[in-house]
């Protein structure tokens, strides 16, 4: 089964992490949460979820993972200010490894300059940013473009998770 890197920090969208993470684990995949600081407890935007970070970004290599998961909320906007996370995300796109980004998750990929020519969706608040990144933006519950799976919002989670699990099956 796949080893999935999850990049997140405080103010991630609670359910956009918990529901896919639960489904990935139920399907037998292993997740490793990554933040600036190992062991740090990060809190979701809704305040209902707390996640203890498994490992610091300085202690991992993207080559050690099969896929990347970027939950939404304000977390991706904070992470994209740190070049270590930008480079980490860019690796997955450059190597055509599966990347799953929901809601504001694509913000990290915008900063990585990895969306030009890609078909994507995302939160309505970042659609103009996606267009400026030269992505082909769609208003659909899930968009799959090669290795990249994107969705708009929590309501899209069933389609997002299904497409992500299918991408993991195809990448093996």
Protein backbone atom coordinates (compact mmCIF):
# COMPACT_ATOMS: atom_id res chain seq x y z
CA UNK A 1 0.00 0.00 0.00
CA UNK A 2 0.99 3.63 -0.45
CA UNK A 3 2.75 5.91 1.97
CA UNK A 4 1.04 9.33 1.84
CA UNK A 5 2.66 12.56 3.01
CA UNK A 6 0.16 14.98 4.57
CA UNK A 7 1.29 18.59 4.89
CA UNK A 8 -0.72 20.65 7.33
CA UNK A 9 -0.50 23.23 10.08
CA UNK A 10 -2.91 25.11 12.31
CA UNK A 11 -6.26 26.14 10.82
CA UNK A 12 -6.55 23.21 8.40
CA UNK A 13 -10.18 22.51 7.49
CA UNK A 14 -11.07 19.81 10.03
CA UNK A 15 -13.19 17.46 7.92
CA UNK A 16 -11.02 17.96 4.81
CA UNK A 17 -8.27 16.20 6.74
CA UNK A 18 -10.17 13.74 8.92
CA UNK A 19 -12.52 12.19 6.35
CA UNK A 20 -9.94 11.46 3.61
CA UNK A 21 -7.39 10.37 6.22
CA UNK A 22 -9.89 7.91 7.67
CA UNK A 23 -10.74 6.56 4.20
CA UNK A 24 -7.08 6.28 3.16
CA UNK A 25 -6.24 4.38 6.34
CA UNK A 26 -9.28 2.11 5.95
CA UNK A 27 -8.02 1.23 2.46
CA UNK A 28 -4.67 0.20 3.98
CA UNK A 29 -2.58 3.27 3.16
CA UNK A 30 -0.15 4.81 5.64
CA UNK A 31 -0.20 8.55 6.37
CA UNK A 32 2.55 10.70 7.82
CA UNK A 33 1.68 14.24 8.92
CA UNK A 34 4.35 16.85 8.24
CA UNK A 35 4.69 20.36 9.66
CA UNK A 36 7.56 22.64 10.67
CA UNK A 37 7.88 20.93 14.04
CA UNK A 38 7.67 17.24 14.95
CA UNK A 39 5.30 16.41 17.80
CA UNK A 40 3.52 19.74 17.57
CA UNK A 41 -0.24 19.67 18.08
CA UNK A 42 -2.07 21.54 15.32
CA UNK A 43 -5.71 22.55 15.55
CA UNK A 44 -8.32 22.61 12.80
CA UNK A 45 -10.07 25.78 11.73
CA UNK A 46 -13.35 24.64 13.27
CA UNK A 47 -11.59 23.79 16.53
CA UNK A 48 -12.97 20.25 16.59
CA UNK A 49 -9.84 18.38 15.49
CA UNK A 50 -6.31 18.29 16.86
CA UNK A 51 -3.54 16.44 15.08
CA UNK A 52 -0.14 15.62 16.55
CA UNK A 53 2.43 16.06 13.80
CA UNK A 54 4.47 12.96 13.03
CA UNK A 55 7.59 14.56 11.59
CA UNK A 56 9.20 17.91 10.78
CA UNK A 57 9.68 18.97 7.16
CA UNK A 58 13.47 19.09 7.70
CA UNK A 59 13.45 15.40 8.63
CA UNK A 60 11.74 13.99 5.53
CA UNK A 61 12.46 13.60 1.83
CA UNK A 62 9.69 13.57 -0.77
CA UNK A 63 11.32 10.51 -2.32
CA UNK A 64 10.23 8.53 0.76
CA UNK A 65 6.53 8.96 -0.11
CA UNK A 66 4.22 7.66 -2.83
CA UNK A 67 1.65 10.47 -2.73
CA UNK A 68 0.92 13.92 -1.27
CA UNK A 69 -2.29 15.04 0.43
CA UNK A 70 -2.95 18.76 1.02
CA UNK A 71 -6.07 19.47 3.13
CA UNK A 72 -7.68 22.90 2.78
CA UNK A 73 -8.47 25.65 5.25
CA UNK A 74 -5.90 28.34 6.02
CA UNK A 75 -3.13 25.76 6.40
CA UNK A 76 -1.99 25.71 2.72
CA UNK A 77 -1.75 29.50 2.63
CA UNK A 78 0.55 29.43 5.66
CA UNK A 79 2.65 26.56 4.32
CA UNK A 80 3.25 28.19 0.95
CA UNK A 81 5.18 30.98 2.68
CA UNK A 82 7.84 28.36 3.52
CA UNK A 83 10.01 27.29 0.59
CA UNK A 84 10.62 23.88 2.17
CA UNK A 85 6.94 22.98 1.74
CA UNK A 86 6.82 24.52 -1.73
CA UNK A 87 9.79 22.43 -2.88
CA UNK A 88 8.34 19.35 -1.22
CA UNK A 89 5.04 19.75 -3.12
CA UNK A 90 6.79 20.58 -6.40
CA UNK A 91 8.67 17.27 -6.23
CA UNK A 92 5.43 15.27 -6.32
CA UNK A 93 4.14 17.23 -9.31
CA UNK A 94 7.48 17.01 -11.16
CA UNK A 95 7.68 13.25 -10.54
CA UNK A 96 4.02 12.65 -11.47
CA UNK A 97 3.26 11.12 -8.09
CA UNK A 98 -0.37 11.34 -6.95
CA UNK A 99 -1.28 14.69 -5.39
CA UNK A 100 -4.61 15.29 -3.64
CA UNK A 101 -5.58 18.91 -2.91
CA UNK A 102 -8.98 20.06 -1.70
CA UNK A 103 -10.49 23.52 -1.24
CA UNK A 104 -7.55 25.89 -0.56
CA UNK A 105 -5.02 23.04 -0.91
CA UNK A 106 -4.05 24.07 -4.47
CA UNK A 107 -2.57 27.31 -3.06
CA UNK A 108 0.59 25.38 -2.24
CA UNK A 109 0.73 24.12 -5.84
CA UNK A 110 0.19 27.64 -7.19
CA UNK A 111 3.25 28.83 -5.28
CA UNK A 112 5.18 25.77 -6.53
CA UNK A 113 4.34 26.93 -10.08
CA UNK A 114 3.07 23.43 -10.82
CA UNK A 115 -0.39 24.08 -12.28
CA UNK A 116 0.21 25.64 -15.69
CA UNK A 117 -1.90 23.81 -18.26
CA UNK A 118 -3.45 21.52 -15.65
CA UNK A 119 -7.19 21.01 -15.24
CA UNK A 120 -8.12 21.84 -11.64
CA UNK A 121 -10.79 23.02 -9.26
CA UNK A 122 -10.61 24.60 -5.84
CA UNK A 123 -12.41 26.87 -3.40
CA UNK A 124 -14.23 29.73 -5.10
CA UNK A 125 -11.92 32.14 -3.23
CA UNK A 126 -8.83 30.90 -5.10
CA UNK A 127 -10.24 30.44 -8.61
CA UNK A 128 -8.76 33.71 -9.87
CA UNK A 129 -5.40 32.69 -8.40
CA UNK A 130 -5.68 29.36 -10.22
CA UNK A 131 -6.39 31.22 -13.47
CA UNK A 132 -3.35 33.48 -12.90
CA UNK A 133 -1.32 30.28 -12.43
CA UNK A 134 -2.44 29.38 -15.98
CA UNK A 135 -4.49 26.39 -14.86
CA UNK A 136 -7.69 25.37 -16.64
CA UNK A 137 -10.24 25.95 -13.88
CA UNK A 138 -13.48 23.97 -13.62
CA UNK A 139 -16.40 24.29 -11.20
CA UNK A 140 -16.86 20.56 -10.57
CA UNK A 141 -16.88 18.44 -7.42
CA UNK A 142 -13.68 16.67 -8.46
CA UNK A 143 -11.21 17.18 -11.30
CA UNK A 144 -8.59 14.57 -12.14
CA UNK A 145 -5.70 15.66 -14.36
CA UNK A 146 -2.99 13.02 -14.72
CA UNK A 147 -1.58 12.61 -11.19
CA UNK A 148 -3.52 15.53 -9.67
CA UNK A 149 -6.90 15.23 -7.92
CA UNK A 150 -8.60 18.47 -6.81
CA UNK A 151 -11.96 19.32 -5.23
CA UNK A 152 -13.76 22.50 -4.16
CA UNK A 153 -15.18 22.07 -0.66
CA UNK A 154 -16.20 19.67 2.12
CA UNK A 155 -19.41 18.70 0.27
CA UNK A 156 -17.17 17.21 -2.45
CA UNK A 157 -15.35 14.86 -0.06
CA UNK A 158 -16.99 11.60 -1.25
CA UNK A 159 -16.00 12.24 -4.88
CA UNK A 160 -12.57 13.56 -3.82
CA UNK A 161 -11.77 10.53 -1.71
CA UNK A 162 -13.01 8.08 -4.35
CA UNK A 163 -10.92 9.73 -7.08
CA UNK A 164 -7.89 9.87 -4.76
CA UNK A 165 -8.17 6.17 -3.90
CA UNK A 166 -8.49 5.36 -7.61
CA UNK A 167 -5.35 7.39 -8.33
CA UNK A 168 -3.48 5.42 -5.66
CA UNK A 169 -4.57 2.13 -7.26
CA UNK A 170 -3.38 3.29 -10.67
CA UNK A 171 0.00 4.48 -9.35
CA UNK A 172 1.01 1.10 -7.95
